[in-house]
N, C-alpha and C. Protein backbone atom coordinates (compact mmCIF):
# COMPACT_ATOMS: atom_id res chain seq x y z
N MET A 1 48.75 82.53 68.32
CA MET A 1 48.79 82.76 69.87
C MET A 1 49.78 83.65 69.63
N PRO A 2 50.12 84.46 70.17
CA PRO A 2 51.56 85.46 70.32
C PRO A 2 52.21 84.90 71.43
N LEU A 3 53.44 84.80 71.41
CA LEU A 3 54.39 84.79 72.73
C LEU A 3 54.45 85.90 73.67
N LYS A 4 54.10 85.30 74.70
CA LYS A 4 54.11 85.77 75.83
C LYS A 4 55.46 86.59 75.89
N LEU A 5 56.32 87.20 75.58
CA LEU A 5 57.29 88.28 75.30
C LEU A 5 56.88 89.26 74.17
N VAL A 6 56.26 88.93 73.66
CA VAL A 6 55.81 89.81 72.32
C VAL A 6 54.94 90.52 73.17
N VAL A 7 53.88 89.79 73.94
CA VAL A 7 52.77 90.57 74.70
C VAL A 7 52.95 91.35 75.92
N ASP A 8 53.62 90.75 76.42
CA ASP A 8 54.64 91.52 77.23
C ASP A 8 55.43 93.30 76.86
N ALA A 9 56.00 92.51 75.73
CA ALA A 9 56.62 93.57 75.36
C ALA A 9 55.33 94.86 74.67
N VAL A 10 54.65 94.32 74.22
CA VAL A 10 53.86 96.00 73.63
C VAL A 10 53.44 96.46 74.33
N GLU A 11 52.58 95.78 75.79
CA GLU A 11 51.47 96.30 76.75
C GLU A 11 52.34 97.04 78.01
N ALA A 12 53.29 96.58 77.83
CA ALA A 12 54.44 97.35 78.59
C ALA A 12 55.07 98.59 77.88
N ARG A 13 54.98 98.97 76.84
CA ARG A 13 55.67 100.53 76.18
C ARG A 13 54.11 100.64 75.91
N LEU A 14 53.25 100.11 75.82
CA LEU A 14 51.98 101.26 75.76
C LEU A 14 51.80 101.79 77.20
N ALA A 15 51.79 101.18 78.12
CA ALA A 15 51.85 101.62 79.67
C ALA A 15 52.34 102.60 80.17
N ASP A 16 53.80 102.65 79.45
CA ASP A 16 55.13 103.57 79.89
C ASP A 16 55.00 104.55 78.69
N ARG A 17 54.65 104.78 77.75
CA ARG A 17 54.60 105.72 76.99
C ARG A 17 53.14 106.43 76.33
N TRP A 18 52.02 105.94 76.84
CA TRP A 18 50.73 106.47 76.06
C TRP A 18 50.00 106.49 76.91
N THR A 19 49.64 108.24 77.81
CA THR A 19 48.88 108.74 78.70
C THR A 19 47.69 109.33 78.18
N LYS A 20 47.27 109.43 77.24
CA LYS A 20 46.25 110.44 76.46
C LYS A 20 45.29 110.12 76.79
N CYS A 21 44.80 108.34 77.10
CA CYS A 21 43.67 107.64 77.42
C CYS A 21 43.56 105.96 77.97
N PRO A 22 42.81 105.80 78.52
CA PRO A 22 42.91 103.98 78.93
C PRO A 22 43.41 103.08 77.71
N VAL A 23 44.21 102.52 78.25
CA VAL A 23 44.59 100.90 77.09
C VAL A 23 44.29 99.46 77.57
N VAL A 24 43.10 99.09 76.95
CA VAL A 24 42.41 97.86 77.06
C VAL A 24 43.78 96.83 76.71
N GLY A 25 44.25 95.98 76.61
CA GLY A 25 44.88 95.01 76.83
C GLY A 25 43.91 93.43 76.01
N ILE A 26 44.67 92.57 75.94
CA ILE A 26 44.14 91.28 76.29
C ILE A 26 43.33 90.54 77.03
N ASN A 27 42.48 90.32 77.04
CA ASN A 27 41.37 89.43 78.43
C ASN A 27 41.35 90.82 79.38
N LEU A 28 41.18 92.19 79.01
CA LEU A 28 40.76 92.93 79.17
C LEU A 28 40.25 93.51 79.31
N THR A 29 38.90 92.85 78.95
CA THR A 29 37.96 94.06 78.46
C THR A 29 37.09 94.97 78.78
N GLY A 30 36.06 94.38 80.29
CA GLY A 30 35.45 95.18 81.02
C GLY A 30 34.57 96.12 79.99
N ASN A 31 34.03 97.44 80.42
CA ASN A 31 32.77 98.33 80.17
C ASN A 31 33.52 99.55 79.68
N THR A 32 33.28 99.95 78.69
CA THR A 32 33.45 100.89 77.68
C THR A 32 33.25 102.65 78.59
N PRO A 33 33.96 103.34 78.70
CA PRO A 33 34.07 104.07 79.34
C PRO A 33 32.08 104.90 79.49
N LYS A 34 31.37 105.24 79.77
CA LYS A 34 30.18 106.12 80.61
C LYS A 34 30.23 106.49 79.67
N ASP A 35 31.03 107.62 79.89
CA ASP A 35 31.03 109.50 79.15
C ASP A 35 31.35 109.44 77.58
N GLY A 36 31.91 108.40 76.86
CA GLY A 36 31.99 108.18 75.74
C GLY A 36 33.22 108.25 75.34
N SER A 37 33.96 108.78 76.15
CA SER A 37 35.88 109.27 75.95
C SER A 37 36.63 107.83 75.60
N PRO A 38 37.68 108.56 74.44
CA PRO A 38 38.29 107.42 73.55
C PRO A 38 39.11 106.86 74.54
N PHE A 39 39.51 105.39 74.00
CA PHE A 39 40.36 104.40 74.61
C PHE A 39 40.68 103.87 73.50
N VAL A 40 41.43 102.92 73.90
CA VAL A 40 42.81 101.98 72.72
C VAL A 40 42.74 100.46 73.54
N GLN A 41 42.87 100.03 72.49
CA GLN A 41 43.15 98.69 72.78
C GLN A 41 43.90 97.66 71.64
N VAL A 42 44.01 97.06 72.34
CA VAL A 42 45.70 96.24 71.53
C VAL A 42 45.16 94.85 71.81
N SER A 43 45.16 94.37 70.07
CA SER A 43 44.84 92.84 70.43
C SER A 43 46.02 92.28 69.32
N TYR A 44 46.34 90.68 69.23
CA TYR A 44 47.04 89.81 68.25
C TYR A 44 46.82 88.75 67.38
N PRO A 45 46.22 89.39 66.42
CA PRO A 45 45.24 88.70 65.56
C PRO A 45 46.30 87.48 64.55
N VAL A 46 47.81 88.00 64.11
CA VAL A 46 48.35 87.01 63.31
C VAL A 46 49.81 86.74 63.98
N ALA A 47 49.85 85.32 64.23
CA ALA A 47 51.55 84.87 64.58
C ALA A 47 51.81 83.88 64.47
N ASN A 48 53.11 83.79 63.47
CA ASN A 48 53.37 82.63 62.71
C ASN A 48 54.95 82.51 62.99
N GLY A 49 55.03 80.49 63.66
CA GLY A 49 55.94 80.51 63.93
C GLY A 49 57.00 80.00 63.08
N GLU A 50 58.31 79.79 63.16
CA GLU A 50 59.08 79.20 62.24
C GLU A 50 60.93 78.40 62.63
N GLN A 51 61.21 77.53 62.55
CA GLN A 51 62.42 77.20 63.39
C GLN A 51 63.49 77.56 62.33
N LEU A 52 64.60 78.50 62.56
CA LEU A 52 65.35 78.88 62.03
C LEU A 52 67.15 78.42 61.45
N THR A 53 67.27 77.48 63.62
CA THR A 53 68.69 76.54 63.06
C THR A 53 67.88 74.92 63.87
N VAL A 54 68.87 74.14 63.21
CA VAL A 54 68.74 72.81 63.54
C VAL A 54 69.57 72.17 64.62
N GLY A 55 70.04 71.66 64.97
CA GLY A 55 71.17 70.55 65.74
C GLY A 55 71.65 70.92 66.92
N ALA A 56 70.96 71.93 67.70
CA ALA A 56 71.38 72.55 68.84
C ALA A 56 70.20 72.33 70.19
N PRO A 57 69.93 70.84 70.54
CA PRO A 57 68.57 71.21 71.41
C PRO A 57 68.91 72.35 72.58
N GLY A 58 67.67 73.03 72.51
CA GLY A 58 67.88 73.64 73.96
C GLY A 58 68.26 75.14 73.45
N GLN A 59 69.32 75.11 72.19
CA GLN A 59 69.83 76.45 71.49
C GLN A 59 69.33 76.79 70.24
N ASN A 60 68.43 76.06 69.69
CA ASN A 60 68.08 76.30 67.95
C ASN A 60 67.33 78.20 68.28
N VAL A 61 67.05 78.52 67.33
CA VAL A 61 66.23 79.50 67.32
C VAL A 61 65.11 79.64 66.65
N TYR A 62 64.26 79.53 67.48
CA TYR A 62 62.59 79.96 66.56
C TYR A 62 62.52 81.70 66.72
N ARG A 63 61.63 81.48 65.60
CA ARG A 63 60.87 83.11 65.15
C ARG A 63 59.42 83.17 64.91
N GLU A 64 59.13 84.11 65.64
CA GLU A 64 57.79 84.49 65.62
C GLU A 64 57.83 85.48 64.49
N THR A 65 56.53 85.18 64.03
CA THR A 65 56.37 86.66 63.06
C THR A 65 55.37 86.76 62.80
N GLY A 66 54.81 88.11 63.19
CA GLY A 66 53.30 88.20 62.79
C GLY A 66 52.87 89.98 63.20
N ALA A 67 51.50 90.10 63.42
CA ALA A 67 51.21 91.50 63.70
C ALA A 67 49.78 91.79 65.05
N PHE A 68 50.40 92.62 65.60
CA PHE A 68 49.71 92.95 66.46
C PHE A 68 48.28 94.59 66.19
N ARG A 69 47.18 94.73 66.45
CA ARG A 69 46.69 95.38 66.26
C ARG A 69 46.56 96.18 67.16
N ILE A 70 46.15 97.58 66.92
CA ILE A 70 45.78 99.42 67.60
C ILE A 70 44.54 99.47 67.29
N LEU A 71 43.55 100.11 68.19
CA LEU A 71 42.50 100.22 67.81
C LEU A 71 42.05 101.11 68.72
N ILE A 72 41.74 102.36 68.29
CA ILE A 72 41.44 103.93 68.91
C ILE A 72 40.29 103.99 68.51
N ASN A 73 39.01 103.87 69.51
CA ASN A 73 37.90 104.23 70.10
C ASN A 73 37.82 105.39 70.09
N TRP A 74 37.23 106.34 68.70
CA TRP A 74 36.73 107.94 68.69
C TRP A 74 35.47 107.70 68.71
N LYS A 75 35.34 108.58 70.18
CA LYS A 75 34.02 109.68 70.45
C LYS A 75 32.88 109.63 68.82
N ARG A 76 32.04 108.73 68.27
CA ARG A 76 31.29 109.39 67.53
C ARG A 76 31.01 110.46 67.54
N GLY A 77 30.53 111.07 65.91
CA GLY A 77 30.12 112.34 65.99
C GLY A 77 31.25 113.36 66.24
N LYS A 78 32.50 113.65 66.74
CA LYS A 78 33.13 114.22 67.10
C LYS A 78 34.23 114.83 65.81
N PRO A 79 35.35 115.35 65.63
CA PRO A 79 36.00 115.65 64.65
C PRO A 79 37.16 114.48 65.08
N ILE A 80 37.38 113.92 63.35
CA ILE A 80 38.08 112.66 64.00
C ILE A 80 39.80 112.86 63.42
N GLY A 81 40.41 113.78 62.85
CA GLY A 81 41.52 114.96 63.14
C GLY A 81 42.02 114.39 64.50
N PRO A 82 42.22 114.79 65.72
CA PRO A 82 42.08 114.16 67.00
C PRO A 82 43.10 112.76 67.01
N GLY A 83 41.52 112.53 66.28
CA GLY A 83 41.90 110.33 66.76
C GLY A 83 43.39 110.52 65.29
N LEU A 84 43.24 110.78 64.53
CA LEU A 84 44.10 110.45 63.72
C LEU A 84 45.53 110.69 63.85
N GLU A 85 45.59 112.04 64.55
CA GLU A 85 46.72 112.62 65.18
C GLU A 85 47.20 111.53 66.29
N TRP A 86 46.37 110.60 67.04
CA TRP A 86 46.44 109.78 67.81
C TRP A 86 47.31 108.38 67.20
N ALA A 87 46.86 108.49 66.12
CA ALA A 87 46.64 107.40 65.29
C ALA A 87 48.48 107.56 64.71
N ASP A 88 48.69 108.80 64.81
CA ASP A 88 49.84 108.94 64.15
C ASP A 88 51.22 108.66 65.24
N GLU A 89 50.72 109.30 66.20
CA GLU A 89 51.62 109.29 67.43
C GLU A 89 51.29 107.44 68.16
N LEU A 90 51.05 106.50 68.05
CA LEU A 90 50.47 105.25 68.04
C LEU A 90 51.73 104.68 67.24
N ALA A 91 51.44 104.99 66.47
CA ALA A 91 51.99 104.32 65.13
C ALA A 91 53.90 104.72 65.29
N ALA A 92 54.55 106.02 65.51
CA ALA A 92 55.48 105.93 65.73
C ALA A 92 55.78 105.81 67.36
N LEU A 93 55.47 104.85 67.96
CA LEU A 93 55.80 104.83 68.82
C LEU A 93 55.92 102.89 69.20
N PHE A 94 55.27 102.78 68.00
CA PHE A 94 56.16 101.15 67.06
C PHE A 94 57.41 101.00 66.17
N ARG A 95 57.30 102.35 65.30
CA ARG A 95 57.63 102.20 64.09
C ARG A 95 59.13 101.93 64.16
N GLY A 96 59.58 100.97 63.28
CA GLY A 96 61.14 100.95 63.38
C GLY A 96 61.92 100.32 64.48
N LYS A 97 61.11 100.55 65.76
CA LYS A 97 61.50 99.57 66.99
C LYS A 97 61.78 98.38 67.61
N GLU A 98 63.14 98.33 67.86
CA GLU A 98 63.39 97.58 68.96
C GLU A 98 63.31 97.47 70.70
N PHE A 99 62.75 97.00 71.25
CA PHE A 99 62.54 96.86 72.80
C PHE A 99 61.39 95.38 73.14
N GLY A 100 61.94 94.75 74.12
CA GLY A 100 62.07 93.85 75.16
C GLY A 100 61.80 92.28 74.04
N GLY A 101 62.99 93.09 73.41
CA GLY A 101 63.20 91.79 72.96
C GLY A 101 62.19 90.79 71.60
N ILE A 102 61.62 91.86 70.35
CA ILE A 102 60.48 92.00 70.09
C ILE A 102 61.63 93.21 68.53
N GLN A 103 61.15 93.08 67.54
CA GLN A 103 61.61 94.37 66.14
C GLN A 103 60.23 94.10 65.84
N THR A 104 59.89 95.63 65.12
CA THR A 104 58.92 96.30 64.92
C THR A 104 59.05 96.39 63.48
N PHE A 105 58.15 96.59 62.35
CA PHE A 105 58.49 97.52 60.88
C PHE A 105 57.57 98.33 61.13
N ALA A 106 56.98 98.69 59.94
CA ALA A 106 56.44 99.82 59.18
C ALA A 106 55.13 99.66 59.80
N PRO A 107 54.14 100.46 60.25
CA PRO A 107 52.62 100.17 60.73
C PRO A 107 52.36 100.07 59.53
N GLY A 108 50.63 100.16 59.40
CA GLY A 108 49.80 100.75 58.42
C GLY A 108 49.16 101.64 58.20
N SER A 109 48.66 101.84 58.02
CA SER A 109 47.73 103.31 58.40
C SER A 109 46.23 103.04 58.72
N PRO A 110 44.98 103.76 59.15
CA PRO A 110 43.89 103.54 59.89
C PRO A 110 42.80 103.51 58.51
N VAL A 111 42.43 102.24 58.44
CA VAL A 111 41.47 101.98 57.24
C VAL A 111 40.04 103.07 57.56
N ILE A 112 39.84 103.86 56.96
CA ILE A 112 38.35 104.89 56.97
C ILE A 112 37.07 104.39 56.62
N ASP A 113 36.54 103.49 56.23
CA ASP A 113 35.50 103.67 55.62
C ASP A 113 34.12 103.28 56.10
N ASP A 114 33.17 101.98 55.52
CA ASP A 114 31.58 102.11 56.58
C ASP A 114 32.06 100.97 57.88
N ARG A 115 33.13 100.42 58.13
CA ARG A 115 32.93 99.75 58.53
C ARG A 115 33.69 100.32 60.16
N ASN A 116 33.44 101.84 60.06
CA ASN A 116 34.33 102.14 61.17
C ASN A 116 33.25 102.65 62.37
N ASP A 117 32.12 102.73 62.17
CA ASP A 117 31.36 103.37 63.27
C ASP A 117 30.74 102.08 64.23
N GLU A 118 31.26 101.78 65.25
CA GLU A 118 31.12 100.71 66.38
C GLU A 118 30.26 101.26 67.78
N GLY A 119 28.83 101.44 67.47
CA GLY A 119 28.30 101.78 68.35
C GLY A 119 28.23 103.41 69.00
N ASN A 120 28.85 103.60 69.94
CA ASN A 120 29.25 105.06 70.40
C ASN A 120 30.53 105.71 69.94
N TYR A 121 30.98 104.77 69.29
CA TYR A 121 32.51 105.05 68.77
C TYR A 121 32.58 105.04 67.11
N PHE A 122 33.92 105.38 67.05
CA PHE A 122 34.30 105.88 65.47
C PHE A 122 35.50 104.73 65.07
N ALA A 123 35.86 103.64 64.62
CA ALA A 123 37.38 102.87 65.16
C ALA A 123 38.23 103.01 64.26
N LEU A 124 39.55 103.47 64.67
CA LEU A 124 40.04 103.67 64.12
C LEU A 124 41.27 102.34 64.08
N SER A 125 41.95 101.86 63.36
CA SER A 125 42.75 100.63 63.79
C SER A 125 43.50 100.66 62.66
N PHE A 126 44.93 99.96 63.05
CA PHE A 126 45.93 99.82 62.45
C PHE A 126 46.71 98.21 62.77
N ALA A 127 47.77 98.15 61.52
CA ALA A 127 48.63 96.90 62.22
C ALA A 127 50.09 97.41 62.71
N VAL A 128 50.64 96.40 63.29
CA VAL A 128 51.77 97.15 63.02
C VAL A 128 52.57 95.74 63.41
N PRO A 129 53.52 95.47 61.98
CA PRO A 129 54.23 93.54 62.37
C PRO A 129 55.43 93.84 63.10
N TYR A 130 55.70 92.46 63.24
CA TYR A 130 57.03 92.42 64.23
C TYR A 130 57.59 91.35 64.42
N GLN A 131 58.54 90.73 64.39
CA GLN A 131 59.61 89.74 64.82
C GLN A 131 59.99 89.33 66.35
N ALA A 132 59.81 88.20 66.58
CA ALA A 132 60.97 87.92 67.88
C ALA A 132 61.74 86.77 67.66
N ASP A 133 62.36 86.66 68.59
CA ASP A 133 63.72 85.33 67.60
C ASP A 133 62.99 84.91 69.99
N ILE A 134 63.46 83.05 69.55
CA ILE A 134 63.58 82.86 70.98
C ILE A 134 64.26 81.33 71.00
N LEU A 135 65.04 80.98 71.82
CA LEU A 135 65.58 79.65 71.69
C LEU A 135 64.78 78.23 72.58
N GLY A 136 65.33 78.46 71.74
CA GLY A 136 64.30 76.28 72.67
C GLY A 136 64.96 75.25 71.79
């Protein structure tokens, strides 16, 4: 389970900087577009916490490390080049950035294999590793 700080920062960055298609955050799944147009989803499959400092109640530093996943749902049967360009652009939004109290590192690249076909969509996904510190 990611820190609220992480979810807020990632989803705010997407809302502010990504306008090419709708973005669906956690617990906002709803129906896919009836016209089969592309959309992006974000999820948070990995989050691990550790205590970095000891002995200062309320002021100890705790660090969460994890990865969030960006999934581009591209219309199946259409040329994939523009979808890969979107993946590059989305990765650049998060590559080596600090924002909203989190730090991100090098995103992976989308995997393309037999698992990409998802109903009406060709799914391109990649993970972005991050870390976030909080006091407690």
